[in-house]
């Protein structure tokens, strides 16, 4: 099977289900310590700063494992997007009725401007980082905060992830990243 990664990886991910995602992606999303250190603090700040309820925007959510920690918080509405329509029914089942779940590609985002107080980008920066950040910036309200994780090339725990994509035509790039903002 010759899988190619183009642009944001849309074609590669469109049919990916939760089990396939977890098998291919080395993710901290299910780790409660990761949640406590990176997501919980910005959620707490947003509740104090904006009042409740707040909205959390998760772009490229995959199976939305990182949202398990907040899905039952009555003061949080979750907006979750992913490029794979195949993964979204299980995400919606997991997150329940207090969530908005839809397919969106960061190359042509379907995110409303200023929709959320908090943003989460877990495992998303490997695809099209400039577009991911620009989409998140567009979706966050002024003063909103976002937690982003970046993969470190020389971390041996990430080798399986990179090898998977390199075998399919992906490329490792070491470059400066800039994102334009309009204020």
C-alpha atoms as a PDB file:
ATOM      1  CA  UNK A   1       0.000   0.000   0.000  1.00  0.00           C
ATOM      2  CA  UNK A   2       1.481   3.352  -1.021  1.00  0.00           C
ATOM      3  CA  UNK A   3       0.037   6.082   1.209  1.00  0.00           C
ATOM      4  CA  UNK A   4       1.056   9.661   0.437  1.00  0.00           C
ATOM      5  CA  UNK A   5       0.857  12.614   2.727  1.00  0.00           C
ATOM      6  CA  UNK A   6      -0.240  15.742   0.904  1.00  0.00           C
ATOM      7  CA  UNK A   7      -0.836  19.166   2.389  1.00  0.00           C
ATOM      8  CA  UNK A   8      -2.394  18.693   5.779  1.00  0.00           C
ATOM      9  CA  UNK A   9      -2.619  14.934   5.349  1.00  0.00           C
ATOM     10  CA  UNK A  10      -6.319  15.110   4.517  1.00  0.00           C
ATOM     11  CA  UNK A  11      -6.390  12.112   2.182  1.00  0.00           C
ATOM     12  CA  UNK A  12      -4.281  10.036   4.544  1.00  0.00           C
ATOM     13  CA  UNK A  13      -6.519  10.693   7.555  1.00  0.00           C
ATOM     14  CA  UNK A  14     -10.014  10.772   6.032  1.00  0.00           C
ATOM     15  CA  UNK A  15     -10.763   7.114   6.708  1.00  0.00           C
ATOM     16  CA  UNK A  16      -8.879   6.757   9.977  1.00  0.00           C
ATOM     17  CA  UNK A  17     -10.842   5.324  12.894  1.00  0.00           C
ATOM     18  CA  UNK A  18      -9.893   5.648  16.600  1.00  0.00           C
ATOM     19  CA  UNK A  19      -8.008   2.337  16.767  1.00  0.00           C
ATOM     20  CA  UNK A  20      -5.944   3.118  13.652  1.00  0.00           C
ATOM     21  CA  UNK A  21      -5.176   6.575  15.020  1.00  0.00           C
ATOM     22  CA  UNK A  22      -3.974   5.257  18.373  1.00  0.00           C
ATOM     23  CA  UNK A  23      -1.851   2.604  16.626  1.00  0.00           C
ATOM     24  CA  UNK A  24      -0.062   5.242  14.536  1.00  0.00           C
ATOM     25  CA  UNK A  25       0.199   8.255  16.826  1.00  0.00           C
ATOM     26  CA  UNK A  26       2.364   8.379  19.947  1.00  0.00           C
ATOM     27  CA  UNK A  27       0.251  10.710  22.057  1.00  0.00           C
ATOM     28  CA  UNK A  28       0.199  12.082  25.606  1.00  0.00           C
ATOM     29  CA  UNK A  29      -3.575  12.658  25.301  1.00  0.00           C
ATOM     30  CA  UNK A  30      -4.689   9.962  27.771  1.00  0.00           C
ATOM     31  CA  UNK A  31      -2.144  10.950  30.412  1.00  0.00           C
ATOM     32  CA  UNK A  32      -3.788  12.638  33.434  1.00  0.00           C
ATOM     33  CA  UNK A  33      -0.502  14.317  34.406  1.00  0.00           C
ATOM     34  CA  UNK A  34      -0.300  15.909  30.932  1.00  0.00           C
ATOM     35  CA  UNK A  35      -3.852  17.211  31.387  1.00  0.00           C
ATOM     36  CA  UNK A  36      -3.123  18.586  34.881  1.00  0.00           C
ATOM     37  CA  UNK A  37       0.053  20.354  33.746  1.00  0.00           C
ATOM     38  CA  UNK A  38      -1.054  21.831  30.440  1.00  0.00           C
ATOM     39  CA  UNK A  39      -4.824  21.854  29.919  1.00  0.00           C
ATOM     40  CA  UNK A  40      -6.345  22.257  33.375  1.00  0.00           C
ATOM     41  CA  UNK A  41      -4.500  25.513  34.172  1.00  0.00           C
ATOM     42  CA  UNK A  42      -5.696  27.334  31.051  1.00  0.00           C
ATOM     43  CA  UNK A  43      -9.240  26.046  31.531  1.00  0.00           C
ATOM     44  CA  UNK A  44      -9.247  27.332  35.123  1.00  0.00           C
ATOM     45  CA  UNK A  45      -7.848  30.713  34.022  1.00  0.00           C
ATOM     46  CA  UNK A  46     -10.481  31.008  31.274  1.00  0.00           C
ATOM     47  CA  UNK A  47     -13.315  30.298  33.724  1.00  0.00           C
ATOM     48  CA  UNK A  48     -12.088  33.088  36.004  1.00  0.00           C
ATOM     49  CA  UNK A  49     -11.318  35.486  33.156  1.00  0.00           C
ATOM     50  CA  UNK A  50     -14.398  34.980  30.954  1.00  0.00           C
ATOM     51  CA  UNK A  51     -16.928  33.512  33.383  1.00  0.00           C
ATOM     52  CA  UNK A  52     -18.755  30.268  32.836  1.00  0.00           C
ATOM     53  CA  UNK A  53     -19.565  28.472  30.689  1.00  0.00           C
ATOM     54  CA  UNK A  54     -16.467  28.480  28.470  1.00  0.00           C
ATOM     55  CA  UNK A  55     -15.810  26.839  25.128  1.00  0.00           C
ATOM     56  CA  UNK A  56     -12.774  24.669  24.452  1.00  0.00           C
ATOM     57  CA  UNK A  57     -11.738  24.327  20.812  1.00  0.00           C
ATOM     58  CA  UNK A  58      -9.806  21.144  19.978  1.00  0.00           C
ATOM     59  CA  UNK A  59      -8.442  21.169  16.426  1.00  0.00           C
ATOM     60  CA  UNK A  60      -7.268  17.870  14.889  1.00  0.00           C
ATOM     61  CA  UNK A  61      -8.753  16.066  17.888  1.00  0.00           C
ATOM     62  CA  UNK A  62      -8.317  12.527  16.546  1.00  0.00           C
ATOM     63  CA  UNK A  63     -10.204  10.214  18.932  1.00  0.00           C
ATOM     64  CA  UNK A  64     -10.388  13.124  21.427  1.00  0.00           C
ATOM     65  CA  UNK A  65      -8.678  11.274  24.251  1.00  0.00           C
ATOM     66  CA  UNK A  66      -7.438  14.586  25.674  1.00  0.00           C
ATOM     67  CA  UNK A  67     -11.060  15.687  26.045  1.00  0.00           C
ATOM     68  CA  UNK A  68     -11.984  12.770  28.330  1.00  0.00           C
ATOM     69  CA  UNK A  69     -10.803  14.878  31.271  1.00  0.00           C
ATOM     70  CA  UNK A  70     -13.271  17.720  30.598  1.00  0.00           C
ATOM     71  CA  UNK A  71     -16.212  16.078  28.825  1.00  0.00           C
ATOM     72  CA  UNK A  72     -18.273  15.921  32.036  1.00  0.00           C
ATOM     73  CA  UNK A  73     -17.479  19.457  33.210  1.00  0.00           C
ATOM     74  CA  UNK A  74     -20.839  21.297  33.107  1.00  0.00           C
ATOM     75  CA  UNK A  75     -19.016  24.620  32.733  1.00  0.00           C
ATOM     76  CA  UNK A  76     -17.265  23.592  29.503  1.00  0.00           C
ATOM     77  CA  UNK A  77     -18.683  23.239  26.023  1.00  0.00           C
ATOM     78  CA  UNK A  78     -16.363  21.344  23.670  1.00  0.00           C
ATOM     79  CA  UNK A  79     -15.904  22.160  19.994  1.00  0.00           C
ATOM     80  CA  UNK A  80     -13.909  19.336  18.401  1.00  0.00           C
ATOM     81  CA  UNK A  81     -12.748  19.108  14.803  1.00  0.00           C
ATOM     82  CA  UNK A  82     -10.770  16.599  12.817  1.00  0.00           C
ATOM     83  CA  UNK A  83     -10.062  16.046   9.146  1.00  0.00           C
ATOM     84  CA  UNK A  84     -11.319  12.434   9.365  1.00  0.00           C
ATOM     85  CA  UNK A  85     -15.101  12.069   9.109  1.00  0.00           C
ATOM     86  CA  UNK A  86     -14.619   8.380  10.010  1.00  0.00           C
ATOM     87  CA  UNK A  87     -13.411   9.219  13.516  1.00  0.00           C
ATOM     88  CA  UNK A  88     -16.068  11.816  14.347  1.00  0.00           C
ATOM     89  CA  UNK A  89     -19.055   9.555  15.219  1.00  0.00           C
ATOM     90  CA  UNK A  90     -17.041   7.925  18.018  1.00  0.00           C
ATOM     91  CA  UNK A  91     -15.853  11.370  19.162  1.00  0.00           C
ATOM     92  CA  UNK A  92     -19.453  12.611  19.317  1.00  0.00           C
ATOM     93  CA  UNK A  93     -20.538   9.482  21.217  1.00  0.00           C
ATOM     94  CA  UNK A  94     -17.678   9.975  23.678  1.00  0.00           C
ATOM     95  CA  UNK A  95     -18.235  13.706  24.245  1.00  0.00           C
ATOM     96  CA  UNK A  96     -22.025  13.702  24.380  1.00  0.00           C
ATOM     97  CA  UNK A  97     -24.609  16.377  23.705  1.00  0.00           C
ATOM     98  CA  UNK A  98     -22.692  19.274  25.238  1.00  0.00           C
ATOM     99  CA  UNK A  99     -20.259  19.200  22.328  1.00  0.00           C
ATOM    100  CA  UNK A 100     -20.074  20.331  18.736  1.00  0.00           C
ATOM    101  CA  UNK A 101     -18.118  17.893  16.559  1.00  0.00           C
ATOM    102  CA  UNK A 102     -17.425  18.371  12.854  1.00  0.00           C
ATOM    103  CA  UNK A 103     -14.939  17.706  10.065  1.00  0.00           C
ATOM    104  CA  UNK A 104     -12.586  20.543   9.238  1.00  0.00           C
ATOM    105  CA  UNK A 105      -9.248  20.782   7.461  1.00  0.00           C
ATOM    106  CA  UNK A 106      -6.951  23.542   8.700  1.00  0.00           C
ATOM    107  CA  UNK A 107      -5.996  24.305   5.096  1.00  0.00           C
ATOM    108  CA  UNK A 108      -9.616  25.420   4.568  1.00  0.00           C
ATOM    109  CA  UNK A 109     -10.933  25.786   8.125  1.00  0.00           C
ATOM    110  CA  UNK A 110     -14.602  25.725   9.023  1.00  0.00           C
ATOM    111  CA  UNK A 111     -14.015  27.426  12.380  1.00  0.00           C
ATOM    112  CA  UNK A 112     -16.012  30.490  13.369  1.00  0.00           C
ATOM    113  CA  UNK A 113     -13.908  33.457  14.466  1.00  0.00           C
ATOM    114  CA  UNK A 114     -13.712  34.209  18.202  1.00  0.00           C
ATOM    115  CA  UNK A 115     -15.691  31.102  19.154  1.00  0.00           C
ATOM    116  CA  UNK A 116     -13.664  29.772  22.112  1.00  0.00           C
ATOM    117  CA  UNK A 117     -11.827  30.890  25.227  1.00  0.00           C
ATOM    118  CA  UNK A 118      -9.450  27.894  25.297  1.00  0.00           C
ATOM    119  CA  UNK A 119      -7.703  25.983  22.539  1.00  0.00           C
ATOM    120  CA  UNK A 120      -6.066  22.564  22.505  1.00  0.00           C
ATOM    121  CA  UNK A 121      -3.683  21.325  19.812  1.00  0.00           C
ATOM    122  CA  UNK A 122      -2.444  17.856  20.761  1.00  0.00           C
ATOM    123  CA  UNK A 123      -0.386  16.091  18.082  1.00  0.00           C
ATOM    124  CA  UNK A 124      -1.562  18.633  15.504  1.00  0.00           C
ATOM    125  CA  UNK A 125       1.584  20.636  14.908  1.00  0.00           C
ATOM    126  CA  UNK A 126       3.259  17.911  12.865  1.00  0.00           C
ATOM    127  CA  UNK A 127       0.913  18.408   9.907  1.00  0.00           C
ATOM    128  CA  UNK A 128       0.750  22.030   8.748  1.00  0.00           C
ATOM    129  CA  UNK A 129       1.878  24.015  11.786  1.00  0.00           C
ATOM    130  CA  UNK A 130       1.386  27.468  10.317  1.00  0.00           C
ATOM    131  CA  UNK A 131      -2.188  26.651   9.283  1.00  0.00           C
ATOM    132  CA  UNK A 132      -2.975  24.933  12.592  1.00  0.00           C
ATOM    133  CA  UNK A 133      -1.805  27.947  14.588  1.00  0.00           C
ATOM    134  CA  UNK A 134      -3.540  30.417  12.272  1.00  0.00           C
ATOM    135  CA  UNK A 135      -6.803  28.449  12.531  1.00  0.00           C
ATOM    136  CA  UNK A 136      -6.542  28.311  16.314  1.00  0.00           C
ATOM    137  CA  UNK A 137      -5.746  32.019  16.529  1.00  0.00           C
ATOM    138  CA  UNK A 138      -8.807  32.756  14.397  1.00  0.00           C
ATOM    139  CA  UNK A 139     -11.035  30.609  16.636  1.00  0.00           C
ATOM    140  CA  UNK A 140      -9.865  31.999  19.977  1.00  0.00           C
ATOM    141  CA  UNK A 141     -11.424  35.031  21.593  1.00  0.00           C
ATOM    142  CA  UNK A 142      -9.129  37.924  22.421  1.00  0.00           C
ATOM    143  CA  UNK A 143      -7.305  36.951  25.606  1.00  0.00           C
ATOM    144  CA  UNK A 144      -7.965  33.249  25.077  1.00  0.00           C
ATOM    145  CA  UNK A 145      -5.169  30.747  25.609  1.00  0.00           C
ATOM    146  CA  UNK A 146      -4.092  27.611  23.805  1.00  0.00           C
ATOM    147  CA  UNK A 147      -2.049  24.567  24.859  1.00  0.00           C
ATOM    148  CA  UNK A 148       0.098  23.181  22.060  1.00  0.00           C
ATOM    149  CA  UNK A 149       2.439  20.215  22.118  1.00  0.00           C
ATOM    150  CA  UNK A 150       5.374  19.973  19.741  1.00  0.00           C
ATOM    151  CA  UNK A 151       7.275  16.827  18.887  1.00  0.00           C
ATOM    152  CA  UNK A 152      11.008  16.948  19.416  1.00  0.00           C
ATOM    153  CA  UNK A 153      12.948  15.364  16.551  1.00  0.00           C
ATOM    154  CA  UNK A 154      15.743  13.920  18.691  1.00  0.00           C
ATOM    155  CA  UNK A 155      13.432  12.408  21.325  1.00  0.00           C
ATOM    156  CA  UNK A 156      13.729   8.612  20.848  1.00  0.00           C
ATOM    157  CA  UNK A 157      10.085   8.144  21.961  1.00  0.00           C
ATOM    158  CA  UNK A 158       8.991   9.893  18.763  1.00  0.00           C
ATOM    159  CA  UNK A 159      11.007   7.714  16.377  1.00  0.00           C
ATOM    160  CA  UNK A 160       8.129   5.318  15.651  1.00  0.00           C
ATOM    161  CA  UNK A 161       5.902   8.269  14.786  1.00  0.00           C
ATOM    162  CA  UNK A 162       8.443   9.830  12.438  1.00  0.00           C
ATOM    163  CA  UNK A 163       9.446   6.505  10.881  1.00  0.00           C
ATOM    164  CA  UNK A 164       5.812   5.799  10.054  1.00  0.00           C
ATOM    165  CA  UNK A 165       5.516   9.039   8.067  1.00  0.00           C
ATOM    166  CA  UNK A 166       8.989   8.908   6.527  1.00  0.00           C
ATOM    167  CA  UNK A 167       8.184   5.452   5.101  1.00  0.00           C
ATOM    168  CA  UNK A 168       5.150   6.992   3.392  1.00  0.00           C
ATOM    169  CA  UNK A 169       6.913   9.935   1.784  1.00  0.00           C
ATOM    170  CA  UNK A 170       6.753  12.400   4.664  1.00  0.00           C
ATOM    171  CA  UNK A 171       9.659  14.717   5.383  1.00  0.00           C
ATOM    172  CA  UNK A 172      11.279  15.995   8.553  1.00  0.00           C
ATOM    173  CA  UNK A 173      11.908  19.699   8.347  1.00  0.00           C
ATOM    174  CA  UNK A 174      13.823  21.814  10.775  1.00  0.00           C
ATOM    175  CA  UNK A 175      12.770  25.384  10.134  1.00  0.00           C
ATOM    176  CA  UNK A 176      11.560  28.505  11.794  1.00  0.00           C
ATOM    177  CA  UNK A 177       7.805  28.849  12.019  1.00  0.00           C
ATOM    178  CA  UNK A 178       6.037  32.159  11.729  1.00  0.00           C
ATOM    179  CA  UNK A 179       2.338  32.885  11.920  1.00  0.00           C
ATOM    180  CA  UNK A 180       0.747  36.113  10.801  1.00  0.00           C
ATOM    181  CA  UNK A 181      -1.890  37.600  13.025  1.00  0.00           C
ATOM    182  CA  UNK A 182      -4.296  40.393  12.224  1.00  0.00           C
ATOM    183  CA  UNK A 183      -4.969  42.764  15.089  1.00  0.00           C
END
